Amino acid sequence: MLEYKLLLILVSGLSSMGQICLKASARRRNGMMKSLFDIRFLTGIALFISCPPLSIIAARHVDFSILYIMTALGFAFVMLFSKLILGE
């Protein structure tokens, strides 16, 4: 059970990192086609795509009350990563 809780924490962190990557990509004022192939944009999309399967795996083994708490950690991770990476 502990490994699935840790997986949920990892998923929250990955999702938060995806948001930070997308925001960093949006800060660059490139054309539409350049933005689609920006490494930050592609990394953010890849992180978002990887999160749902991992969440489903963990949700099968963890109580829903724990699931919501671990998912809410994403808000804290976004604030932390925004400060550390983007300087906001």
C-alpha atoms as a PDB file:
ATOM      1  CA  MET A   1       0.000   0.000   0.000  1.00  0.00           C
ATOM      2  CA  LEU A   2       2.870   2.376   0.771  1.00  0.00           C
ATOM      3  CA  GLU A   3       4.307   1.983  -2.727  1.00  0.00           C
ATOM      4  CA  TYR A   4       0.998   3.101  -4.255  1.00  0.00           C
ATOM      5  CA  LYS A   5       0.879   6.153  -1.997  1.00  0.00           C
ATOM      6  CA  LEU A   6       4.395   7.002  -3.118  1.00  0.00           C
ATOM      7  CA  LEU A   7       3.282   6.478  -6.722  1.00  0.00           C
ATOM      8  CA  LEU A   8       0.492   9.019  -6.185  1.00  0.00           C
ATOM      9  CA  ILE A   9       2.970  11.518  -4.785  1.00  0.00           C
ATOM     10  CA  LEU A  10       5.153  10.918  -7.837  1.00  0.00           C
ATOM     11  CA  VAL A  11       2.172  11.435 -10.152  1.00  0.00           C
ATOM     12  CA  SER A  12       1.332  14.728  -8.431  1.00  0.00           C
ATOM     13  CA  GLY A  13       4.917  15.840  -8.866  1.00  0.00           C
ATOM     14  CA  LEU A  14       5.016  14.818 -12.525  1.00  0.00           C
ATOM     15  CA  SER A  15       1.750  16.583 -13.253  1.00  0.00           C
ATOM     16  CA  SER A  16       3.011  19.715 -11.530  1.00  0.00           C
ATOM     17  CA  MET A  17       6.245  19.560 -13.494  1.00  0.00           C
ATOM     18  CA  GLY A  18       4.158  19.282 -16.667  1.00  0.00           C
ATOM     19  CA  GLN A  19       2.360  22.487 -15.766  1.00  0.00           C
ATOM     20  CA  ILE A  20       5.640  24.263 -15.138  1.00  0.00           C
ATOM     21  CA  CYS A  21       7.031  23.048 -18.476  1.00  0.00           C
ATOM     22  CA  LEU A  22       3.966  24.301 -20.328  1.00  0.00           C
ATOM     23  CA  LYS A  23       4.146  27.672 -18.609  1.00  0.00           C
ATOM     24  CA  ALA A  24       7.866  27.970 -19.403  1.00  0.00           C
ATOM     25  CA  SER A  25       7.051  27.144 -23.012  1.00  0.00           C
ATOM     26  CA  ALA A  26       4.318  29.780 -23.123  1.00  0.00           C
ATOM     27  CA  ARG A  27       6.729  32.450 -21.890  1.00  0.00           C
ATOM     28  CA  ARG A  28       8.732  32.187 -25.100  1.00  0.00           C
ATOM     29  CA  ARG A  29       7.166  34.282 -27.830  1.00  0.00           C
ATOM     30  CA  ASN A  30       7.813  32.100 -30.861  1.00  0.00           C
ATOM     31  CA  GLY A  31       5.594  31.376 -33.804  1.00  0.00           C
ATOM     32  CA  MET A  32       2.933  28.690 -33.616  1.00  0.00           C
ATOM     33  CA  MET A  33       4.961  25.991 -35.376  1.00  0.00           C
ATOM     34  CA  LYS A  34       8.097  26.669 -33.324  1.00  0.00           C
ATOM     35  CA  SER A  35       6.046  26.519 -30.141  1.00  0.00           C
ATOM     36  CA  LEU A  36       4.672  23.096 -31.063  1.00  0.00           C
ATOM     37  CA  PHE A  37       8.185  21.689 -31.326  1.00  0.00           C
ATOM     38  CA  ASP A  38       9.613  23.443 -28.271  1.00  0.00           C
ATOM     39  CA  ILE A  39      11.250  20.933 -25.909  1.00  0.00           C
ATOM     40  CA  ARG A  40       9.472  22.439 -22.891  1.00  0.00           C
ATOM     41  CA  PHE A  41       6.098  22.082 -24.569  1.00  0.00           C
ATOM     42  CA  LEU A  42       6.761  18.494 -25.639  1.00  0.00           C
ATOM     43  CA  THR A  43       8.048  17.567 -22.167  1.00  0.00           C
ATOM     44  CA  GLY A  44       4.956  19.053 -20.533  1.00  0.00           C
ATOM     45  CA  ILE A  45       2.659  17.116 -22.852  1.00  0.00           C
ATOM     46  CA  ALA A  46       4.615  13.889 -22.261  1.00  0.00           C
ATOM     47  CA  LEU A  47       4.350  14.351 -18.501  1.00  0.00           C
ATOM     48  CA  PHE A  48       0.600  14.926 -18.729  1.00  0.00           C
ATOM     49  CA  ILE A  49       0.149  11.833 -20.900  1.00  0.00           C
ATOM     50  CA  SER A  50       2.115   9.670 -18.468  1.00  0.00           C
ATOM     51  CA  CYS A  51       0.120  10.671 -15.377  1.00  0.00           C
ATOM     52  CA  PRO A  52      -3.356   9.135 -15.956  1.00  0.00           C
ATOM     53  CA  PRO A  53      -2.195   5.516 -16.399  1.00  0.00           C
ATOM     54  CA  LEU A  54      -0.067   5.784 -13.264  1.00  0.00           C
ATOM     55  CA  SER A  55      -2.972   7.340 -11.356  1.00  0.00           C
ATOM     56  CA  ILE A  56      -5.296   4.533 -12.407  1.00  0.00           C
ATOM     57  CA  ILE A  57      -2.807   1.913 -11.262  1.00  0.00           C
ATOM     58  CA  ALA A  58      -2.460   3.575  -7.868  1.00  0.00           C
ATOM     59  CA  ALA A  59      -6.204   4.287  -7.507  1.00  0.00           C
ATOM     60  CA  ARG A  60      -6.971   0.578  -7.673  1.00  0.00           C
ATOM     61  CA  HIS A  61      -4.992  -0.026  -4.495  1.00  0.00           C
ATOM     62  CA  VAL A  62      -5.520   3.123  -2.418  1.00  0.00           C
ATOM     63  CA  ASP A  63      -8.611   4.361  -0.577  1.00  0.00           C
ATOM     64  CA  PHE A  64     -10.306   7.317  -2.288  1.00  0.00           C
ATOM     65  CA  SER A  65      -9.854   9.572   0.743  1.00  0.00           C
ATOM     66  CA  ILE A  66      -6.093   9.099   0.388  1.00  0.00           C
ATOM     67  CA  LEU A  67      -6.300   9.507  -3.384  1.00  0.00           C
ATOM     68  CA  TYR A  68      -7.808  12.983  -3.132  1.00  0.00           C
ATOM     69  CA  ILE A  69      -5.271  14.115  -0.541  1.00  0.00           C
ATOM     70  CA  MET A  70      -2.351  12.925  -2.653  1.00  0.00           C
ATOM     71  CA  THR A  71      -3.832  14.562  -5.752  1.00  0.00           C
ATOM     72  CA  ALA A  72      -4.206  17.855  -3.880  1.00  0.00           C
ATOM     73  CA  LEU A  73      -0.457  17.814  -3.250  1.00  0.00           C
ATOM     74  CA  GLY A  74      -0.159  18.982  -6.847  1.00  0.00           C
ATOM     75  CA  PHE A  75      -1.118  22.512  -5.768  1.00  0.00           C
ATOM     76  CA  ALA A  76       1.771  22.608  -3.306  1.00  0.00           C
ATOM     77  CA  PHE A  77       4.155  21.153  -5.872  1.00  0.00           C
ATOM     78  CA  VAL A  78       3.155  23.769  -8.467  1.00  0.00           C
ATOM     79  CA  MET A  79       3.821  26.591  -6.000  1.00  0.00           C
ATOM     80  CA  LEU A  80       7.161  25.068  -5.000  1.00  0.00           C
ATOM     81  CA  PHE A  81       8.296  24.420  -8.574  1.00  0.00           C
ATOM     82  CA  SER A  82       7.144  27.874  -9.691  1.00  0.00           C
ATOM     83  CA  LYS A  83       9.338  29.444  -7.047  1.00  0.00           C
ATOM     84  CA  LEU A  84      12.361  27.219  -7.677  1.00  0.00           C
ATOM     85  CA  ILE A  85      12.271  26.959 -11.471  1.00  0.00           C
ATOM     86  CA  LEU A  86      10.427  30.016 -12.759  1.00  0.00           C
ATOM     87  CA  GLY A  87      11.357  32.421  -9.950  1.00  0.00           C
ATOM     88  CA  GLU A  88       7.770  33.431  -9.290  1.00  0.00           C
END
